Amino acid sequence: MTNEKEILLNEFKSKFKQLVAICDRLRDENASLRTKKESLEKELHERNKDLTELNSKYENLKTLNSLISGDNTHDTKIKLNRIVREIDRCLSLIDSNQTK
């Protein structure tokens, strides 16, 4: 083998080793990013759950406040009707589960 071919072969080997090292590093980084993504998605899910719960509590407090203050009776009646319908729906679900 000529000297020029040996030089080219050594350069190829060197660049191939560099490419393998870069590939390994990127594979590790990708795994780390996937783990971080899963963690962030779980945290986002928890935050959305908390937000839904807080919105529900806020609506309940608004209803209670309007009942106490006596202002805006039309909205209060609508909210109470919604609550009664929801209670009725829950009771019917409980009743249907008990008959099964």
N, C-alpha and C. Protein backbone atom coordinates (compact mmCIF):
# COMPACT_ATOMS: atom_id res chain seq x y z
N MET A 1 0.85 -1.17 0.00
CA MET A 1 0.00 0.00 0.00
C MET A 1 0.90 1.23 0.00
N THR A 2 0.48 2.18 -0.76
CA THR A 2 1.32 3.37 -0.87
C THR A 2 1.10 4.25 0.35
N ASN A 3 2.02 5.14 0.52
CA ASN A 3 1.99 6.06 1.65
C ASN A 3 0.74 6.95 1.61
N GLU A 4 0.36 7.37 0.42
CA GLU A 4 -0.81 8.23 0.27
C GLU A 4 -2.09 7.49 0.68
N LYS A 5 -2.19 6.22 0.31
CA LYS A 5 -3.36 5.42 0.67
C LYS A 5 -3.41 5.19 2.17
N GLU A 6 -2.26 5.00 2.79
CA GLU A 6 -2.22 4.82 4.25
C GLU A 6 -2.68 6.08 4.97
N ILE A 7 -2.26 7.20 4.45
CA ILE A 7 -2.66 8.48 5.06
C ILE A 7 -4.17 8.65 4.94
N LEU A 8 -4.71 8.37 3.76
CA LEU A 8 -6.16 8.48 3.56
C LEU A 8 -6.92 7.51 4.46
N LEU A 9 -6.39 6.29 4.59
CA LEU A 9 -7.04 5.29 5.44
C LEU A 9 -7.01 5.73 6.91
N ASN A 10 -5.90 6.26 7.36
CA ASN A 10 -5.79 6.74 8.74
C ASN A 10 -6.73 7.93 8.99
N GLU A 11 -6.82 8.82 8.01
CA GLU A 11 -7.75 9.95 8.13
C GLU A 11 -9.19 9.45 8.20
N PHE A 12 -9.50 8.45 7.36
CA PHE A 12 -10.85 7.88 7.37
C PHE A 12 -11.16 7.25 8.73
N LYS A 13 -10.21 6.48 9.26
CA LYS A 13 -10.40 5.84 10.57
C LYS A 13 -10.61 6.90 11.65
N SER A 14 -9.82 7.94 11.60
CA SER A 14 -9.92 9.01 12.59
C SER A 14 -11.28 9.69 12.52
N LYS A 15 -11.71 10.03 11.31
CA LYS A 15 -13.00 10.69 11.14
C LYS A 15 -14.15 9.75 11.52
N PHE A 16 -14.00 8.46 11.22
CA PHE A 16 -15.03 7.50 11.58
C PHE A 16 -15.16 7.39 13.11
N LYS A 17 -14.03 7.37 13.82
CA LYS A 17 -14.06 7.34 15.28
C LYS A 17 -14.73 8.59 15.84
N GLN A 18 -14.43 9.74 15.24
CA GLN A 18 -15.06 10.99 15.66
C GLN A 18 -16.57 10.93 15.44
N LEU A 19 -16.96 10.38 14.30
CA LEU A 19 -18.38 10.26 13.98
C LEU A 19 -19.09 9.33 14.95
N VAL A 20 -18.46 8.22 15.31
CA VAL A 20 -19.04 7.29 16.28
C VAL A 20 -19.17 7.97 17.65
N ALA A 21 -18.16 8.73 18.04
CA ALA A 21 -18.20 9.43 19.33
C ALA A 21 -19.33 10.46 19.34
N ILE A 22 -19.48 11.19 18.25
CA ILE A 22 -20.56 12.18 18.15
C ILE A 22 -21.91 11.48 18.21
N CYS A 23 -22.03 10.36 17.52
CA CYS A 23 -23.28 9.60 17.52
C CYS A 23 -23.63 9.12 18.94
N ASP A 24 -22.63 8.61 19.66
CA ASP A 24 -22.85 8.16 21.03
C ASP A 24 -23.28 9.32 21.93
N ARG A 25 -22.62 10.46 21.78
CA ARG A 25 -22.95 11.63 22.58
C ARG A 25 -24.38 12.10 22.29
N LEU A 26 -24.74 12.12 21.01
CA LEU A 26 -26.09 12.54 20.64
C LEU A 26 -27.14 11.54 21.12
N ARG A 27 -26.81 10.27 21.13
CA ARG A 27 -27.73 9.25 21.63
C ARG A 27 -27.99 9.45 23.12
N ASP A 28 -26.91 9.73 23.86
CA ASP A 28 -27.06 10.00 25.30
C ASP A 28 -27.87 11.27 25.55
N GLU A 29 -27.59 12.30 24.78
CA GLU A 29 -28.31 13.56 24.92
C GLU A 29 -29.79 13.37 24.58
N ASN A 30 -30.06 12.58 23.56
CA ASN A 30 -31.44 12.31 23.17
C ASN A 30 -32.18 11.58 24.29
N ALA A 31 -31.55 10.60 24.90
CA ALA A 31 -32.17 9.87 26.01
C ALA A 31 -32.45 10.81 27.18
N SER A 32 -31.50 11.69 27.46
CA SER A 32 -31.67 12.65 28.54
C SER A 32 -32.84 13.60 28.24
N LEU A 33 -32.92 14.06 27.01
CA LEU A 33 -34.00 14.97 26.63
C LEU A 33 -35.36 14.28 26.67
N ARG A 34 -35.41 13.01 26.30
CA ARG A 34 -36.67 12.26 26.38
C ARG A 34 -37.14 12.14 27.83
N THR A 35 -36.19 11.87 28.73
CA THR A 35 -36.52 11.77 30.15
C THR A 35 -37.05 13.11 30.67
N LYS A 36 -36.37 14.18 30.28
CA LYS A 36 -36.79 15.51 30.71
C LYS A 36 -38.17 15.84 30.14
N LYS A 37 -38.42 15.47 28.89
CA LYS A 37 -39.72 15.72 28.26
C LYS A 37 -40.83 14.98 29.02
N GLU A 38 -40.60 13.73 29.36
CA GLU A 38 -41.60 12.96 30.10
C GLU A 38 -41.88 13.60 31.45
N SER A 39 -40.82 14.06 32.11
CA SER A 39 -40.98 14.71 33.40
C SER A 39 -41.80 16.00 33.26
N LEU A 40 -41.52 16.78 32.24
CA LEU A 40 -42.24 18.03 32.03
C LEU A 40 -43.69 17.77 31.64
N GLU A 41 -43.93 16.72 30.86
CA GLU A 41 -45.32 16.38 30.51
C GLU A 41 -46.11 15.96 31.74
N LYS A 42 -45.46 15.21 32.63
CA LYS A 42 -46.12 14.80 33.87
C LYS A 42 -46.43 16.03 34.72
N GLU A 43 -45.48 16.95 34.81
CA GLU A 43 -45.68 18.17 35.59
C GLU A 43 -46.80 19.02 34.98
N LEU A 44 -46.83 19.10 33.65
CA LEU A 44 -47.88 19.86 32.97
C LEU A 44 -49.25 19.24 33.26
N HIS A 45 -49.33 17.93 33.23
CA HIS A 45 -50.59 17.24 33.53
C HIS A 45 -51.04 17.57 34.95
N GLU A 46 -50.12 17.55 35.89
CA GLU A 46 -50.46 17.89 37.28
C GLU A 46 -50.91 19.33 37.40
N ARG A 47 -50.23 20.23 36.71
CA ARG A 47 -50.61 21.65 36.76
C ARG A 47 -52.00 21.87 36.16
N ASN A 48 -52.29 21.17 35.05
CA ASN A 48 -53.62 21.28 34.44
C ASN A 48 -54.70 20.74 35.38
N LYS A 49 -54.38 19.67 36.07
CA LYS A 49 -55.31 19.10 37.03
C LYS A 49 -55.55 20.10 38.16
N ASP A 50 -54.48 20.71 38.66
CA ASP A 50 -54.61 21.72 39.71
C ASP A 50 -55.42 22.92 39.22
N LEU A 51 -55.17 23.33 37.99
CA LEU A 51 -55.89 24.47 37.43
C LEU A 51 -57.39 24.17 37.34
N THR A 52 -57.73 22.98 36.89
CA THR A 52 -59.14 22.60 36.80
C THR A 52 -59.79 22.62 38.18
N GLU A 53 -59.08 22.09 39.16
CA GLU A 53 -59.60 22.07 40.52
C GLU A 53 -59.77 23.49 41.06
N LEU A 54 -58.79 24.34 40.82
CA LEU A 54 -58.87 25.72 41.29
C LEU A 54 -60.00 26.48 40.59
N ASN A 55 -60.19 26.23 39.30
CA ASN A 55 -61.29 26.88 38.59
C ASN A 55 -62.63 26.46 39.17
N SER A 56 -62.74 25.19 39.51
CA SER A 56 -63.97 24.70 40.11
C SER A 56 -64.21 25.37 41.46
N LYS A 57 -63.16 25.45 42.28
CA LYS A 57 -63.28 26.11 43.58
C LYS A 57 -63.64 27.59 43.42
N TYR A 58 -63.05 28.22 42.42
CA TYR A 58 -63.33 29.63 42.17
C TYR A 58 -64.80 29.82 41.80
N GLU A 59 -65.31 28.96 40.92
CA GLU A 59 -66.73 29.05 40.54
C GLU A 59 -67.63 28.83 41.75
N ASN A 60 -67.26 27.88 42.60
CA ASN A 60 -68.04 27.63 43.81
C ASN A 60 -68.03 28.85 44.74
N LEU A 61 -66.86 29.46 44.86
CA LEU A 61 -66.77 30.65 45.71
C LEU A 61 -67.58 31.81 45.14
N LYS A 62 -67.56 31.96 43.83
CA LYS A 62 -68.36 33.02 43.20
C LYS A 62 -69.84 32.78 43.46
N THR A 63 -70.27 31.52 43.35
CA THR A 63 -71.68 31.19 43.61
C THR A 63 -72.02 31.48 45.05
N LEU A 64 -71.17 31.05 45.95
CA LEU A 64 -71.41 31.29 47.37
C LEU A 64 -71.45 32.78 47.67
N ASN A 65 -70.54 33.51 47.09
CA ASN A 65 -70.49 34.97 47.31
C ASN A 65 -71.76 35.64 46.79
N SER A 66 -72.23 35.20 45.64
CA SER A 66 -73.44 35.81 45.10
C SER A 66 -74.66 35.43 45.93
N LEU A 67 -74.64 34.24 46.53
CA LEU A 67 -75.74 33.85 47.41
C LEU A 67 -75.75 34.69 48.68
N ILE A 68 -74.56 34.93 49.20
CA ILE A 68 -74.44 35.70 50.44
C ILE A 68 -74.79 37.16 50.21
N SER A 69 -74.28 37.72 49.12
CA SER A 69 -74.49 39.15 48.89
C SER A 69 -75.87 39.45 48.33
N GLY A 70 -76.49 38.47 47.67
CA GLY A 70 -77.82 38.69 47.12
C GLY A 70 -77.80 39.47 45.81
N ASP A 71 -76.64 39.80 45.29
CA ASP A 71 -76.53 40.51 44.02
C ASP A 71 -76.69 39.53 42.86
N ASN A 72 -77.17 40.05 41.78
CA ASN A 72 -77.25 39.30 40.53
C ASN A 72 -78.00 37.99 40.72
N THR A 73 -79.25 38.08 41.11
CA THR A 73 -80.04 36.90 41.42
C THR A 73 -80.26 36.00 40.22
N HIS A 74 -80.32 36.57 39.02
CA HIS A 74 -80.51 35.76 37.82
C HIS A 74 -79.34 34.78 37.64
N ASP A 75 -78.12 35.31 37.73
CA ASP A 75 -76.94 34.44 37.61
C ASP A 75 -76.90 33.41 38.72
N THR A 76 -77.31 33.80 39.91
CA THR A 76 -77.33 32.88 41.04
C THR A 76 -78.30 31.74 40.78
N LYS A 77 -79.48 32.05 40.24
CA LYS A 77 -80.45 31.01 39.94
C LYS A 77 -79.92 30.05 38.87
N ILE A 78 -79.27 30.60 37.88
CA ILE A 78 -78.70 29.76 36.82
C ILE A 78 -77.64 28.83 37.40
N LYS A 79 -76.78 29.36 38.24
CA LYS A 79 -75.73 28.54 38.85
C LYS A 79 -76.33 27.47 39.76
N LEU A 80 -77.33 27.84 40.53
CA LEU A 80 -77.97 26.85 41.41
C LEU A 80 -78.65 25.76 40.60
N ASN A 81 -79.30 26.14 39.51
CA ASN A 81 -79.93 25.14 38.64
C ASN A 81 -78.89 24.19 38.06
N ARG A 82 -77.74 24.74 37.68
CA ARG A 82 -76.66 23.90 37.15
C ARG A 82 -76.17 22.93 38.22
N ILE A 83 -76.03 23.41 39.43
CA ILE A 83 -75.57 22.56 40.54
C ILE A 83 -76.60 21.47 40.83
N VAL A 84 -77.87 21.84 40.83
CA VAL A 84 -78.94 20.85 41.09
C VAL A 84 -78.94 19.79 40.00
N ARG A 85 -78.80 20.21 38.73
CA ARG A 85 -78.75 19.23 37.63
C ARG A 85 -77.57 18.30 37.79
N GLU A 86 -76.43 18.84 38.17
CA GLU A 86 -75.24 18.02 38.36
C GLU A 86 -75.44 17.02 39.51
N ILE A 87 -76.06 17.46 40.59
CA ILE A 87 -76.36 16.57 41.72
C ILE A 87 -77.33 15.48 41.28
N ASP A 88 -78.35 15.86 40.52
CA ASP A 88 -79.32 14.89 40.02
C ASP A 88 -78.64 13.85 39.12
N ARG A 89 -77.73 14.33 38.28
CA ARG A 89 -77.01 13.42 37.40
C ARG A 89 -76.17 12.43 38.22
N CYS A 90 -75.50 12.93 39.23
CA CYS A 90 -74.68 12.07 40.10
C CYS A 90 -75.55 11.04 40.82
N LEU A 91 -76.69 11.50 41.32
CA LEU A 91 -77.60 10.58 42.02
C LEU A 91 -78.12 9.50 41.08
N SER A 92 -78.43 9.87 39.85
CA SER A 92 -78.92 8.87 38.90
C SER A 92 -77.82 7.88 38.55
N LEU A 93 -76.58 8.33 38.47
CA LEU A 93 -75.47 7.42 38.23
C LEU A 93 -75.29 6.45 39.39
N ILE A 94 -75.40 6.97 40.60
CA ILE A 94 -75.27 6.12 41.78
C ILE A 94 -76.41 5.09 41.80
N ASP A 95 -77.61 5.55 41.49
CA ASP A 95 -78.78 4.67 41.47
C ASP A 95 -78.63 3.58 40.41
N SER A 96 -78.14 3.96 39.23
CA SER A 96 -77.98 2.97 38.16
C SER A 96 -76.88 1.97 38.49
N ASN A 97 -75.87 2.38 39.23
CA ASN A 97 -74.79 1.45 39.63
C ASN A 97 -75.26 0.50 40.70
N GLN A 98 -76.18 0.93 41.55
CA GLN A 98 -76.68 0.08 42.62
C GLN A 98 -77.64 -0.97 42.09
N THR A 99 -78.33 -0.69 41.01
CA THR A 99 -79.28 -1.65 40.46
C THR A 99 -78.58 -2.72 39.63
N LYS A 100 -77.37 -2.52 39.28
CA LYS A 100 -76.63 -3.51 38.45
C LYS A 100 -76.19 -4.69 39.25
